[in-house]
Amino acid sequence: MRILYLCVLLSLASSLLYGQRKKIQVDRKEAKEAFHYLNAFRENPRRLMRELGVRLDPAQVSNTRLRWNERLAKVAEFRARDMAERNYFDHVTPEGLGPNYYIAKSGYTLNADWLKKRSANNFESIAANHPSAVDGIKAFIVGRGSPGFMHRKHVLGMDQWNGSLQDIGIGFVRVPRGATYQTYLCVIIAKHDW
């Protein structure tokens, strides 16, 4: 009897998970709005810093215009959706695979040194539970929920490494119910092997 009960529970859980996956909504419009907002911030950080109430040295913000990259966007979308579907929030999947692995798997050429560790992350910032993708980008800039402001450095290109990154893809998904967070945002800013 207990085995039958366990089988019914597992079947029910599987059905609910399958149903949940169908309800996850990929929002490409939000992703593109976040892309445009980030480029606008990089172009005129002084004006947008005032709006956010944040103080940064504008000279540290890269003025390099980011280029939308479809491969990176698909990877970012996959990463955001995967976190939502499997209810985790991390740069590394439960199997130990990091963003660099998925970026290379998509056909985006990376330096071999960046692929030595399967869990490597040189290019990804993630956020969760923001009403919009733009709100997630603003949270990175303000530094809310971002240990050591590493995400701020990444999205604004505030050091030599991050300032050299030019291609971007963003994934944003909404989860009506059943996951820890209602939204997941993944921002990948990268560069090809040189």
N, C-alpha and C. Protein backbone atom coordinates (compact mmCIF):
# COMPACT_ATOMS: atom_id res chain seq x y z
N MET A 1 0.82 -1.20 0.00
CA MET A 1 0.00 0.00 0.00
C MET A 1 0.87 1.26 0.00
N ARG A 2 1.93 1.25 0.81
CA ARG A 2 2.80 2.43 0.86
C ARG A 2 3.49 2.68 -0.47
N ILE A 3 3.87 1.61 -1.16
CA ILE A 3 4.52 1.76 -2.46
C ILE A 3 3.55 2.37 -3.46
N LEU A 4 2.30 1.91 -3.47
CA LEU A 4 1.29 2.47 -4.36
C LEU A 4 1.07 3.95 -4.05
N TYR A 5 0.99 4.28 -2.77
CA TYR A 5 0.80 5.67 -2.34
C TYR A 5 1.98 6.53 -2.81
N LEU A 6 3.21 6.01 -2.67
CA LEU A 6 4.40 6.73 -3.11
C LEU A 6 4.38 6.94 -4.62
N CYS A 7 3.97 5.92 -5.37
CA CYS A 7 3.89 6.03 -6.83
C CYS A 7 2.87 7.09 -7.24
N VAL A 8 1.74 7.13 -6.57
CA VAL A 8 0.72 8.13 -6.87
C VAL A 8 1.27 9.53 -6.57
N LEU A 9 1.94 9.68 -5.45
CA LEU A 9 2.53 10.98 -5.11
C LEU A 9 3.57 11.41 -6.14
N LEU A 10 4.44 10.50 -6.54
CA LEU A 10 5.45 10.82 -7.54
C LEU A 10 4.81 11.18 -8.87
N SER A 11 3.76 10.47 -9.25
CA SER A 11 3.06 10.77 -10.49
C SER A 11 2.41 12.15 -10.43
N LEU A 12 1.81 12.45 -9.29
CA LEU A 12 1.17 13.75 -9.11
C LEU A 12 2.21 14.86 -9.14
N ALA A 13 3.33 14.65 -8.47
CA ALA A 13 4.40 15.65 -8.47
C ALA A 13 4.93 15.87 -9.88
N SER A 14 5.08 14.80 -10.63
CA SER A 14 5.55 14.89 -12.00
C SER A 14 4.56 15.67 -12.86
N SER A 15 3.27 15.42 -12.69
CA SER A 15 2.24 16.15 -13.45
C SER A 15 2.26 17.63 -13.12
N LEU A 16 2.40 17.91 -11.83
CA LEU A 16 2.44 19.32 -11.41
C LEU A 16 3.66 20.00 -11.99
N LEU A 17 4.81 19.32 -11.96
CA LEU A 17 6.02 19.91 -12.51
C LEU A 17 5.86 20.14 -14.00
N TYR A 18 5.29 19.17 -14.72
CA TYR A 18 5.08 19.33 -16.15
C TYR A 18 4.15 20.51 -16.42
N GLY A 19 3.08 20.60 -15.65
CA GLY A 19 2.15 21.72 -15.79
C GLY A 19 2.81 23.04 -15.48
N GLN A 20 3.68 23.05 -14.47
CA GLN A 20 4.39 24.27 -14.09
C GLN A 20 5.29 24.73 -15.24
N ARG A 21 5.97 23.78 -15.87
CA ARG A 21 6.86 24.13 -16.98
C ARG A 21 6.10 24.83 -18.09
N LYS A 22 4.91 24.38 -18.36
CA LYS A 22 4.12 24.99 -19.42
C LYS A 22 3.71 26.42 -19.05
N LYS A 23 3.65 26.73 -17.77
CA LYS A 23 3.20 28.05 -17.34
C LYS A 23 4.32 29.08 -17.26
N ILE A 24 5.56 28.63 -17.31
CA ILE A 24 6.68 29.57 -17.30
C ILE A 24 6.63 30.38 -18.58
N GLN A 25 6.68 31.70 -18.43
CA GLN A 25 6.57 32.59 -19.58
C GLN A 25 7.90 33.28 -19.85
N VAL A 26 8.44 33.06 -21.03
CA VAL A 26 9.64 33.75 -21.46
C VAL A 26 9.20 35.12 -21.97
N ASP A 27 9.83 36.18 -21.46
CA ASP A 27 9.43 37.54 -21.85
C ASP A 27 10.60 38.21 -22.59
N ARG A 28 10.62 38.03 -23.89
CA ARG A 28 11.70 38.59 -24.72
C ARG A 28 11.61 40.10 -24.83
N LYS A 29 10.40 40.62 -24.75
CA LYS A 29 10.22 42.08 -24.80
C LYS A 29 10.90 42.72 -23.58
N GLU A 30 10.70 42.14 -22.41
CA GLU A 30 11.35 42.64 -21.19
C GLU A 30 12.87 42.55 -21.32
N ALA A 31 13.35 41.45 -21.89
CA ALA A 31 14.80 41.26 -22.06
C ALA A 31 15.37 42.37 -22.93
N LYS A 32 14.70 42.68 -24.03
CA LYS A 32 15.18 43.74 -24.93
C LYS A 32 15.11 45.11 -24.26
N GLU A 33 14.07 45.36 -23.46
CA GLU A 33 13.98 46.64 -22.75
C GLU A 33 15.14 46.79 -21.77
N ALA A 34 15.51 45.70 -21.11
CA ALA A 34 16.65 45.74 -20.18
C ALA A 34 17.94 46.03 -20.94
N PHE A 35 18.09 45.45 -22.11
CA PHE A 35 19.25 45.69 -22.97
C PHE A 35 19.34 47.18 -23.33
N HIS A 36 18.22 47.76 -23.75
CA HIS A 36 18.21 49.18 -24.13
C HIS A 36 18.49 50.07 -22.91
N TYR A 37 17.92 49.71 -21.77
CA TYR A 37 18.17 50.50 -20.55
C TYR A 37 19.65 50.46 -20.18
N LEU A 38 20.26 49.29 -20.24
CA LEU A 38 21.67 49.17 -19.88
C LEU A 38 22.55 49.99 -20.82
N ASN A 39 22.27 49.96 -22.11
CA ASN A 39 23.04 50.78 -23.04
C ASN A 39 22.82 52.27 -22.77
N ALA A 40 21.59 52.65 -22.45
CA ALA A 40 21.30 54.06 -22.13
C ALA A 40 22.08 54.49 -20.88
N PHE A 41 22.14 53.62 -19.88
CA PHE A 41 22.89 53.95 -18.67
C PHE A 41 24.37 54.13 -18.99
N ARG A 42 24.91 53.25 -19.79
CA ARG A 42 26.33 53.34 -20.15
C ARG A 42 26.60 54.63 -20.94
N GLU A 43 25.65 55.05 -21.77
CA GLU A 43 25.83 56.26 -22.57
C GLU A 43 25.75 57.53 -21.73
N ASN A 44 24.89 57.55 -20.71
CA ASN A 44 24.71 58.74 -19.90
C ASN A 44 24.54 58.37 -18.42
N PRO A 45 25.62 57.90 -17.79
CA PRO A 45 25.48 57.42 -16.42
C PRO A 45 25.08 58.52 -15.42
N ARG A 46 25.53 59.75 -15.64
CA ARG A 46 25.21 60.82 -14.68
C ARG A 46 23.70 61.01 -14.52
N ARG A 47 23.01 61.10 -15.64
CA ARG A 47 21.56 61.34 -15.59
C ARG A 47 20.84 60.18 -14.90
N LEU A 48 21.17 58.97 -15.29
CA LEU A 48 20.46 57.82 -14.74
C LEU A 48 20.88 57.50 -13.30
N MET A 49 22.10 57.87 -12.93
CA MET A 49 22.50 57.69 -11.52
C MET A 49 21.62 58.54 -10.62
N ARG A 50 21.34 59.76 -11.04
CA ARG A 50 20.47 60.64 -10.25
C ARG A 50 19.09 60.00 -10.07
N GLU A 51 18.55 59.44 -11.16
CA GLU A 51 17.24 58.80 -11.09
C GLU A 51 17.23 57.62 -10.11
N LEU A 52 18.35 56.90 -10.05
CA LEU A 52 18.43 55.73 -9.16
C LEU A 52 18.88 56.09 -7.75
N GLY A 53 19.40 57.31 -7.59
CA GLY A 53 19.90 57.72 -6.29
C GLY A 53 21.18 56.98 -5.91
N VAL A 54 22.00 56.70 -6.89
CA VAL A 54 23.27 55.99 -6.65
C VAL A 54 24.43 56.89 -7.05
N ARG A 55 25.52 56.77 -6.31
CA ARG A 55 26.71 57.56 -6.62
C ARG A 55 27.82 56.65 -7.12
N LEU A 56 28.23 56.90 -8.34
CA LEU A 56 29.34 56.18 -8.95
C LEU A 56 30.23 57.19 -9.63
N ASP A 57 31.45 56.82 -9.87
CA ASP A 57 32.33 57.66 -10.69
C ASP A 57 31.99 57.36 -12.14
N PRO A 58 31.37 58.29 -12.85
CA PRO A 58 30.97 58.04 -14.24
C PRO A 58 32.14 57.62 -15.13
N ALA A 59 33.34 58.04 -14.77
CA ALA A 59 34.52 57.66 -15.57
C ALA A 59 34.79 56.16 -15.48
N GLN A 60 34.29 55.51 -14.44
CA GLN A 60 34.50 54.07 -14.30
C GLN A 60 33.51 53.24 -15.12
N VAL A 61 32.43 53.85 -15.54
CA VAL A 61 31.41 53.15 -16.32
C VAL A 61 31.84 53.10 -17.78
N SER A 62 31.89 51.90 -18.34
CA SER A 62 32.29 51.75 -19.73
C SER A 62 31.25 52.41 -20.64
N ASN A 63 31.73 53.14 -21.62
CA ASN A 63 30.80 53.74 -22.59
C ASN A 63 30.72 52.89 -23.85
N THR A 64 31.30 51.68 -23.80
CA THR A 64 31.20 50.75 -24.92
C THR A 64 29.75 50.32 -25.09
N ARG A 65 29.24 50.52 -26.28
CA ARG A 65 27.87 50.12 -26.56
C ARG A 65 27.82 48.60 -26.72
N LEU A 66 26.95 47.97 -25.97
CA LEU A 66 26.82 46.52 -26.03
C LEU A 66 26.03 46.13 -27.28
N ARG A 67 26.40 44.98 -27.86
CA ARG A 67 25.73 44.47 -29.07
C ARG A 67 24.90 43.25 -28.70
N TRP A 68 23.64 43.27 -29.11
CA TRP A 68 22.76 42.13 -28.85
C TRP A 68 23.28 40.94 -29.65
N ASN A 69 23.38 39.79 -28.99
CA ASN A 69 23.86 38.57 -29.62
C ASN A 69 22.81 37.48 -29.40
N GLU A 70 22.26 36.96 -30.47
CA GLU A 70 21.18 35.96 -30.38
C GLU A 70 21.62 34.68 -29.67
N ARG A 71 22.84 34.24 -29.91
CA ARG A 71 23.31 33.02 -29.23
C ARG A 71 23.35 33.23 -27.72
N LEU A 72 23.90 34.36 -27.31
CA LEU A 72 23.97 34.64 -25.88
C LEU A 72 22.57 34.83 -25.30
N ALA A 73 21.68 35.42 -26.08
CA ALA A 73 20.30 35.60 -25.61
C ALA A 73 19.63 34.24 -25.39
N LYS A 74 19.86 33.31 -26.29
CA LYS A 74 19.27 31.96 -26.13
C LYS A 74 19.86 31.25 -24.91
N VAL A 75 21.16 31.43 -24.68
CA VAL A 75 21.78 30.82 -23.50
C VAL A 75 21.20 31.46 -22.23
N ALA A 76 21.09 32.78 -22.21
CA ALA A 76 20.55 33.48 -21.04
C ALA A 76 19.10 33.07 -20.79
N GLU A 77 18.34 32.95 -21.85
CA GLU A 77 16.94 32.52 -21.73
C GLU A 77 16.87 31.09 -21.19
N PHE A 78 17.74 30.22 -21.73
CA PHE A 78 17.78 28.84 -21.24
C PHE A 78 18.13 28.80 -19.76
N ARG A 79 19.13 29.58 -19.36
CA ARG A 79 19.58 29.58 -17.97
C ARG A 79 18.46 30.07 -17.04
N ALA A 80 17.79 31.16 -17.42
CA ALA A 80 16.70 31.69 -16.59
C ALA A 80 15.57 30.67 -16.49
N ARG A 81 15.23 30.08 -17.61
CA ARG A 81 14.14 29.10 -17.63
C ARG A 81 14.51 27.84 -16.83
N ASP A 82 15.76 27.41 -16.95
CA ASP A 82 16.20 26.22 -16.23
C ASP A 82 16.11 26.44 -14.72
N MET A 83 16.55 27.62 -14.26
CA MET A 83 16.44 27.92 -12.82
C MET A 83 14.99 27.91 -12.37
N ALA A 84 14.11 28.48 -13.20
CA ALA A 84 12.68 28.52 -12.85
C ALA A 84 12.07 27.12 -12.85
N GLU A 85 12.37 26.33 -13.88
CA GLU A 85 11.79 24.99 -13.99
C GLU A 85 12.25 24.07 -12.86
N ARG A 86 13.54 24.18 -12.52
CA ARG A 86 14.08 23.24 -11.54
C ARG A 86 14.23 23.85 -10.15
N ASN A 87 13.73 25.08 -10.02
CA ASN A 87 13.64 25.76 -8.72
C ASN A 87 14.97 25.83 -7.97
N TYR A 88 15.98 26.37 -8.66
CA TYR A 88 17.25 26.67 -8.00
C TYR A 88 17.65 28.08 -8.44
N PHE A 89 18.60 28.66 -7.75
CA PHE A 89 19.08 30.00 -8.11
C PHE A 89 20.59 30.01 -7.88
N ASP A 90 21.34 29.82 -8.96
CA ASP A 90 22.78 29.69 -8.84
C ASP A 90 23.40 29.85 -10.23
N HIS A 91 24.68 30.23 -10.24
CA HIS A 91 25.40 30.30 -11.52
C HIS A 91 25.75 28.91 -12.03
N VAL A 92 25.66 27.92 -11.17
CA VAL A 92 26.03 26.55 -11.53
C VAL A 92 24.79 25.67 -11.40
N THR A 93 24.55 24.84 -12.39
CA THR A 93 23.39 23.94 -12.36
C THR A 93 23.61 22.85 -11.31
N PRO A 94 22.55 22.15 -10.93
CA PRO A 94 22.72 21.04 -9.99
C PRO A 94 23.72 19.98 -10.48
N GLU A 95 23.93 19.91 -11.79
CA GLU A 95 24.89 18.95 -12.35
C GLU A 95 26.32 19.49 -12.35
N GLY A 96 26.52 20.74 -11.91
CA GLY A 96 27.85 21.32 -11.84
C GLY A 96 28.30 22.04 -13.10
N LEU A 97 27.36 22.42 -13.98
CA LEU A 97 27.69 23.11 -15.22
C LEU A 97 27.47 24.61 -15.08
N GLY A 98 28.48 25.39 -15.45
CA GLY A 98 28.40 26.84 -15.34
C GLY A 98 28.09 27.50 -16.67
N PRO A 99 27.92 28.82 -16.65
CA PRO A 99 27.58 29.57 -17.85
C PRO A 99 28.57 29.40 -19.01
N ASN A 100 29.88 29.35 -18.71
CA ASN A 100 30.85 29.21 -19.80
C ASN A 100 30.58 27.95 -20.62
N TYR A 101 30.23 26.88 -19.95
CA TYR A 101 29.92 25.62 -20.62
C TYR A 101 28.78 25.82 -21.63
N TYR A 102 27.70 26.45 -21.18
CA TYR A 102 26.53 26.64 -22.05
C TYR A 102 26.80 27.63 -23.16
N ILE A 103 27.59 28.65 -22.88
CA ILE A 103 27.94 29.63 -23.92
C ILE A 103 28.71 28.93 -25.04
N ALA A 104 29.71 28.13 -24.67
CA ALA A 104 30.50 27.43 -25.68
C ALA A 104 29.65 26.41 -26.43
N LYS A 105 28.77 25.73 -25.71
CA LYS A 105 27.89 24.72 -26.32
C LYS A 105 26.98 25.36 -27.38
N SER A 106 26.65 26.64 -27.20
CA SER A 106 25.77 27.33 -28.16
C SER A 106 26.48 27.66 -29.47
N GLY A 107 27.81 27.51 -29.50
CA GLY A 107 28.57 27.85 -30.70
C GLY A 107 29.29 29.18 -30.61
N TYR A 108 29.14 29.87 -29.49
CA TYR A 108 29.86 31.13 -29.26
C TYR A 108 31.28 30.75 -28.84
N THR A 109 32.28 31.16 -29.61
CA THR A 109 33.66 30.73 -29.40
C THR A 109 34.27 31.42 -28.18
N LEU A 110 34.75 30.60 -27.25
CA LEU A 110 35.43 31.11 -26.06
C LEU A 110 36.87 30.59 -26.02
N ASN A 111 37.71 31.31 -25.31
CA ASN A 111 39.08 30.88 -25.08
C ASN A 111 39.06 29.54 -24.34
N ALA A 112 39.91 28.61 -24.73
CA ALA A 112 39.94 27.27 -24.11
C ALA A 112 40.20 27.35 -22.61
N ASP A 113 40.96 28.35 -22.16
CA ASP A 113 41.23 28.49 -20.73
C ASP A 113 39.96 28.77 -19.94
N TRP A 114 38.96 29.37 -20.57
CA TRP A 114 37.71 29.71 -19.89
C TRP A 114 36.79 28.50 -19.78
N LEU A 115 37.22 27.37 -20.36
CA LEU A 115 36.39 26.16 -20.37
C LEU A 115 37.00 25.02 -19.57
N LYS A 116 38.11 25.26 -18.93
CA LYS A 116 38.80 24.19 -18.20
C LYS A 116 37.96 23.65 -17.05
N LYS A 117 37.25 24.52 -16.35
CA LYS A 117 36.35 24.10 -15.28
C LYS A 117 34.93 24.11 -15.82
N ARG A 118 34.23 22.99 -15.68
CA ARG A 118 32.85 22.91 -16.18
C ARG A 118 31.92 23.86 -15.44
N SER A 119 32.30 24.31 -14.26
CA SER A 119 31.44 25.21 -13.47
C SER A 119 31.81 26.69 -13.66
N ALA A 120 32.73 26.98 -14.56
CA ALA A 120 33.25 28.35 -14.71
C ALA A 120 32.18 29.36 -15.12
N ASN A 121 32.33 30.57 -14.55
CA ASN A 121 31.47 31.69 -14.90
C ASN A 121 32.33 32.94 -15.02
N ASN A 122 32.54 33.38 -16.25
CA ASN A 122 33.23 34.64 -16.48
C ASN A 122 32.29 35.72 -17.01
N PHE A 123 31.02 35.36 -17.27
CA PHE A 123 30.19 36.24 -18.08
C PHE A 123 28.75 36.46 -17.61
N GLU A 124 28.32 35.87 -16.53
CA GLU A 124 26.90 35.88 -16.18
C GLU A 124 26.61 36.62 -14.88
N SER A 125 25.52 37.38 -14.91
CA SER A 125 24.92 37.96 -13.70
C SER A 125 23.48 37.48 -13.65
N ILE A 126 23.00 37.12 -12.45
CA ILE A 126 21.63 36.65 -12.31
C ILE A 126 20.92 37.40 -11.19
N ALA A 127 19.61 37.50 -11.33
CA ALA A 127 18.77 38.13 -10.31
C ALA A 127 17.42 37.41 -10.32
N ALA A 128 16.69 37.58 -9.24
CA ALA A 128 15.37 36.95 -9.16
C ALA A 128 14.41 37.85 -8.40
N ASN A 129 13.15 37.65 -8.72
CA ASN A 129 12.03 38.30 -8.03
C ASN A 129 11.94 39.80 -8.24
N HIS A 130 12.35 40.26 -9.41
CA HIS A 130 12.16 41.68 -9.77
C HIS A 130 10.97 41.77 -10.71
N PRO A 131 10.13 42.80 -10.56
CA PRO A 131 8.91 42.88 -11.38
C PRO A 131 9.19 42.96 -12.88
N SER A 132 10.35 43.48 -13.25
CA SER A 132 10.70 43.58 -14.67
C SER A 132 12.21 43.34 -14.83
N ALA A 133 12.62 43.09 -16.06
CA ALA A 133 14.04 42.90 -16.34
C ALA A 133 14.81 44.21 -16.10
N VAL A 134 14.18 45.33 -16.42
CA VAL A 134 14.83 46.63 -16.18
C VAL A 134 15.04 46.83 -14.68
N ASP A 135 14.07 46.43 -13.86
CA ASP A 135 14.24 46.53 -12.41
C ASP A 135 15.41 45.66 -11.94
N GLY A 136 15.60 44.51 -12.56
CA GLY A 136 16.74 43.66 -12.24
C GLY A 136 18.05 44.34 -12.57
N ILE A 137 18.13 44.99 -13.73
CA ILE A 137 19.34 45.72 -14.12
C ILE A 137 19.59 46.86 -13.14
N LYS A 138 18.54 47.57 -12.77
CA LYS A 138 18.69 48.66 -11.79
C LYS A 138 19.22 48.12 -10.47
N ALA A 139 18.76 46.94 -10.04
CA ALA A 139 19.23 46.34 -8.79
C ALA A 139 20.72 46.01 -8.89
N PHE A 140 21.16 45.53 -10.04
CA PHE A 140 22.60 45.29 -10.23
C PHE A 140 23.38 46.59 -10.05
N ILE A 141 22.88 47.67 -10.65
CA ILE A 141 23.58 48.96 -10.62
C ILE A 141 23.61 49.53 -9.21
N VAL A 142 22.48 49.47 -8.53
CA VAL A 142 22.41 49.98 -7.16
C VAL A 142 23.24 49.11 -6.22
N GLY A 143 23.32 47.83 -6.54
CA GLY A 143 24.10 46.91 -5.72
C GLY A 143 23.25 46.12 -4.75
N ARG A 144 21.94 46.22 -4.87
CA ARG A 144 21.03 45.49 -3.99
C ARG A 144 21.10 44.00 -4.31
N GLY A 145 21.37 43.19 -3.30
CA GLY A 145 21.39 41.75 -3.48
C GLY A 145 22.54 41.25 -4.32
N SER A 146 23.59 42.02 -4.42
CA SER A 146 24.73 41.65 -5.25
C SER A 146 26.00 41.70 -4.42
N PRO A 147 26.43 40.58 -3.88
CA PRO A 147 27.60 40.58 -2.99
C PRO A 147 28.83 41.21 -3.64
N GLY A 148 29.43 42.15 -2.95
CA GLY A 148 30.64 42.78 -3.45
C GLY A 148 30.46 43.62 -4.69
N PHE A 149 29.24 43.87 -5.05
CA PHE A 149 28.93 44.68 -6.23
C PHE A 149 29.54 44.11 -7.52
N MET A 150 29.76 42.79 -7.53
CA MET A 150 30.34 42.15 -8.72
C MET A 150 29.40 42.28 -9.93
N HIS A 151 28.11 42.19 -9.71
CA HIS A 151 27.19 42.34 -10.83
C HIS A 151 27.24 43.75 -11.39
N ARG A 152 27.38 44.74 -10.52
CA ARG A 152 27.49 46.13 -11.00
C ARG A 152 28.71 46.26 -11.91
N LYS A 153 29.84 45.74 -11.46
CA LYS A 153 31.06 45.81 -12.28
C LYS A 153 30.85 45.12 -13.62
N HIS A 154 30.15 44.01 -13.59
CA HIS A 154 29.92 43.24 -14.81
C HIS A 154 29.05 44.01 -15.80
N VAL A 155 27.87 44.43 -15.38
CA VAL A 155 26.94 45.04 -16.33
C VAL A 155 27.37 46.44 -16.78
N LEU A 156 28.13 47.13 -15.93
CA LEU A 156 28.58 48.47 -16.31
C LEU A 156 30.00 48.48 -16.88
N GLY A 157 30.66 47.32 -16.92
CA GLY A 157 32.01 47.26 -17.48
C GLY A 157 32.99 48.11 -16.70
N MET A 158 32.95 48.00 -15.37
CA MET A 158 33.69 48.93 -14.51
C MET A 158 35.14 48.54 -14.21
N ASP A 159 35.64 47.52 -14.84
CA ASP A 159 37.06 47.19 -14.69
C ASP A 159 37.57 46.74 -16.06
N GLN A 160 38.85 46.47 -16.15
CA GLN A 160 39.44 46.16 -17.45
C GLN A 160 38.79 44.93 -18.10
N TRP A 161 38.60 43.88 -17.31
CA TRP A 161 38.01 42.66 -17.86
C TRP A 161 36.58 42.91 -18.34
N ASN A 162 35.72 43.40 -17.46
CA ASN A 162 34.31 43.59 -17.83
C ASN A 162 34.14 44.67 -18.88
N GLY A 163 35.03 45.66 -18.90
CA GLY A 163 34.98 46.70 -19.92
C GLY A 163 35.33 46.17 -21.31
N SER A 164 36.00 45.02 -21.37
CA SER A 164 36.37 44.44 -22.66
C SER A 164 35.26 43.58 -23.27
N LEU A 165 34.21 43.32 -22.50
CA LEU A 165 33.10 42.49 -22.97
C LEU A 165 32.14 43.34 -23.80
N GLN A 166 31.71 42.83 -24.95
CA GLN A 166 30.89 43.65 -25.84
C GLN A 166 29.58 43.03 -26.29
N ASP A 167 29.48 41.71 -26.27
CA ASP A 167 28.27 41.04 -26.74
C ASP A 167 27.37 40.72 -25.55
N ILE A 168 26.07 40.88 -25.74
CA ILE A 168 25.14 40.66 -24.63
C ILE A 168 23.92 39.85 -25.08
N GLY A 169 23.44 39.06 -24.14
CA GLY A 169 22.17 38.37 -24.29
C GLY A 169 21.48 38.37 -22.94
N ILE A 170 20.19 38.57 -22.92
CA ILE A 170 19.43 38.62 -21.67
C ILE A 170 18.24 37.67 -21.77
N GLY A 171 18.02 36.95 -20.69
CA GLY A 171 16.84 36.08 -20.59
C GLY A 171 16.03 36.49 -19.37
N PHE A 172 14.72 36.58 -19.53
CA PHE A 172 13.83 36.95 -18.42
C PHE A 172 12.60 36.07 -18.49
N VAL A 173 12.29 35.39 -17.39
CA VAL A 173 11.11 34.52 -17.35
C VAL A 173 10.25 34.84 -16.14
N ARG A 174 8.96 34.58 -16.31
CA ARG A 174 7.99 34.76 -15.23
C ARG A 174 7.42 33.39 -14.84
N VAL A 175 7.24 33.20 -13.55
CA VAL A 175 6.68 31.95 -13.04
C VAL A 175 5.45 32.31 -12.20
N PRO A 176 4.24 32.01 -12.69
CA PRO A 176 3.04 32.39 -11.95
C PRO A 176 2.97 31.79 -10.54
N ARG A 177 3.42 30.53 -10.41
CA ARG A 177 3.40 29.90 -9.09
C ARG A 177 4.25 28.63 -9.12
N GLY A 178 4.61 28.16 -7.94
CA GLY A 178 5.29 26.88 -7.85
C GLY A 178 6.79 26.92 -7.76
N ALA A 179 7.40 28.09 -7.87
CA ALA A 179 8.85 28.21 -7.74
C ALA A 179 9.14 29.17 -6.60
N THR A 180 10.36 29.17 -6.15
CA THR A 180 10.76 30.06 -5.06
C THR A 180 10.56 31.52 -5.45
N TYR A 181 10.88 31.85 -6.70
CA TYR A 181 10.79 33.24 -7.17
C TYR A 181 9.77 33.35 -8.31
N GLN A 182 9.22 34.53 -8.47
CA GLN A 182 8.25 34.75 -9.54
C GLN A 182 8.91 35.16 -10.85
N THR A 183 10.14 35.67 -10.80
CA THR A 183 10.87 36.01 -12.01
C THR A 183 12.34 35.61 -11.86
N TYR A 184 12.95 35.31 -13.00
CA TYR A 184 14.37 34.99 -13.05
C TYR A 184 14.98 35.78 -14.20
N LEU A 185 16.10 36.44 -13.93
CA LEU A 185 16.80 37.25 -14.92
C LEU A 185 18.21 36.72 -15.07
N CYS A 186 18.65 36.54 -16.29
CA CYS A 186 20.02 36.14 -16.57
C CYS A 186 20.59 37.10 -17.61
N VAL A 187 21.73 37.71 -17.28
CA VAL A 187 22.41 38.64 -18.19
C VAL A 187 23.79 38.06 -18.49
N ILE A 188 24.03 37.82 -19.75
CA ILE A 188 25.34 37.33 -20.18
C ILE A 188 25.99 38.38 -21.06
N ILE A 189 27.14 38.86 -20.63
CA ILE A 189 27.93 39.83 -21.41
C ILE A 189 29.29 39.17 -21.61
N ALA A 190 29.66 38.95 -22.86
CA ALA A 190 30.84 38.14 -23.13
C ALA A 190 31.63 38.71 -24.31
N LYS A 191 32.70 37.99 -24.62
CA LYS A 191 33.49 38.28 -25.82
C LYS A 191 34.03 36.96 -26.34
N HIS A 192 34.27 36.94 -27.64
CA HIS A 192 34.85 35.75 -28.26
C HIS A 192 36.30 35.61 -27.86
N ASP A 193 36.82 34.43 -28.12
CA ASP A 193 38.25 34.22 -27.99
C ASP A 193 38.94 35.22 -28.93
N TRP A 194 40.12 35.70 -28.55
CA TRP A 194 40.81 36.65 -29.42
C TRP A 194 41.87 35.96 -30.23
